[in-house]
Amino acid sequence: MGFMAPVLFDPSSWGKDVPIMIVNAGIDDPLINQSLTSFVNKAINQNLPITLINYPNGLHGFDYLNNNDTTRMIIKSTLDFWKFYLKQ
């Protein structure tokens, strides 16, 4: 389909007060996972508020494809993240 990773500005210019949540599906395209790893490393190096959930056995689209307790926990964690940071 021609997906590609977005080009991001220099990490030093990223907002320091914007919380980030990344959910990584371990059984995804290796290029996507490599891009996520690079992004997470840059965010950590900039000391940004980042939450990472790594689902080693998750497929791309696991929220639809993997009906199990791990998927439900990740969806609940995502909703809790939104509720916590969007409560304003």
Protein backbone atom coordinates (compact mmCIF):
# COMPACT_ATOMS: atom_id res chain seq x y z
CA MET A 1 0.00 0.00 0.00
CA GLY A 2 3.02 2.27 0.08
CA PHE A 3 3.16 3.01 3.80
CA MET A 4 6.14 4.93 5.04
CA ALA A 5 7.35 6.35 8.32
CA PRO A 6 6.72 10.08 8.74
CA VAL A 7 9.69 12.41 8.74
CA LEU A 8 9.89 14.14 12.11
CA PHE A 9 11.55 17.38 13.04
CA ASP A 10 14.64 17.42 15.23
CA PRO A 11 13.69 15.76 18.53
CA SER A 12 14.95 18.75 20.51
CA SER A 13 12.00 20.73 19.09
CA TRP A 14 9.36 18.22 20.23
CA GLY A 15 6.90 19.44 22.87
CA LYS A 16 8.15 18.53 26.32
CA ASP A 17 4.66 18.59 27.84
CA VAL A 18 2.83 16.39 25.33
CA PRO A 19 2.36 12.86 26.65
CA ILE A 20 3.04 10.10 24.14
CA MET A 21 1.77 6.54 24.15
CA ILE A 22 3.21 3.91 21.83
CA VAL A 23 1.85 0.39 21.50
CA ASN A 24 4.18 -1.88 19.56
CA ALA A 25 2.89 -5.02 17.87
CA GLY A 26 5.85 -7.40 17.85
CA ILE A 27 4.66 -9.33 14.79
CA ASP A 28 4.46 -6.27 12.56
CA ASP A 29 6.50 -5.21 9.58
CA PRO A 30 10.14 -5.02 10.72
CA LEU A 31 10.51 -1.56 9.15
CA ILE A 32 7.60 -0.23 11.20
CA ASN A 33 9.04 -1.70 14.39
CA GLN A 34 12.48 -0.29 13.56
CA SER A 35 10.93 3.14 13.06
CA LEU A 36 9.11 2.88 16.40
CA THR A 37 12.32 1.85 18.16
CA SER A 38 14.11 4.87 16.73
CA PHE A 39 11.25 7.19 17.75
CA VAL A 40 11.09 5.81 21.30
CA ASN A 41 14.87 6.11 21.73
CA LYS A 42 14.77 9.74 20.60
CA ALA A 43 11.86 10.51 22.92
CA ILE A 44 13.66 8.93 25.87
CA ASN A 45 16.88 10.80 25.04
CA GLN A 46 14.86 14.04 25.13
CA ASN A 47 13.31 12.98 28.46
CA LEU A 48 9.78 13.23 27.05
CA PRO A 49 6.74 11.80 28.85
CA ILE A 50 6.35 8.52 26.98
CA THR A 51 4.42 5.35 27.76
CA LEU A 52 5.36 2.21 25.84
CA ILE A 53 3.50 -1.08 25.69
CA ASN A 54 5.26 -3.83 23.78
CA TYR A 55 3.05 -6.73 22.70
CA PRO A 56 5.59 -9.32 21.46
CA ASN A 57 2.96 -11.67 19.98
CA GLY A 58 0.69 -8.95 18.63
CA LEU A 59 -0.10 -8.78 14.95
CA HIS A 60 -0.52 -5.51 13.08
CA GLY A 61 -4.14 -4.72 13.89
CA PHE A 62 -4.06 -6.91 16.99
CA ASP A 63 -6.92 -4.90 18.50
CA TYR A 64 -9.09 -6.42 15.78
CA LEU A 65 -7.28 -9.70 15.08
CA ASN A 66 -6.21 -10.93 18.52
CA ASN A 67 -9.24 -11.42 20.79
CA ASN A 68 -7.49 -12.24 24.07
CA ASP A 69 -6.75 -10.92 27.55
CA THR A 70 -3.57 -9.12 26.46
CA THR A 71 -5.39 -7.21 23.75
CA ARG A 72 -8.15 -6.24 26.17
CA MET A 73 -5.55 -5.05 28.72
CA ILE A 74 -3.84 -2.90 26.06
CA ILE A 75 -7.14 -1.37 24.94
CA LYS A 76 -8.07 -0.63 28.56
CA SER A 77 -4.63 0.90 29.19
CA THR A 78 -5.01 3.08 26.10
CA LEU A 79 -8.42 4.34 27.23
CA ASP A 80 -7.05 4.98 30.74
CA PHE A 81 -4.14 6.94 29.21
CA TRP A 82 -6.59 9.11 27.24
CA LYS A 83 -8.84 9.65 30.27
CA PHE A 84 -5.89 10.64 32.44
CA TYR A 85 -4.37 13.14 29.99
CA LEU A 86 -7.58 14.49 28.46
CA LYS A 87 -9.37 15.17 31.74
CA GLN A 88 -8.90 18.93 31.39
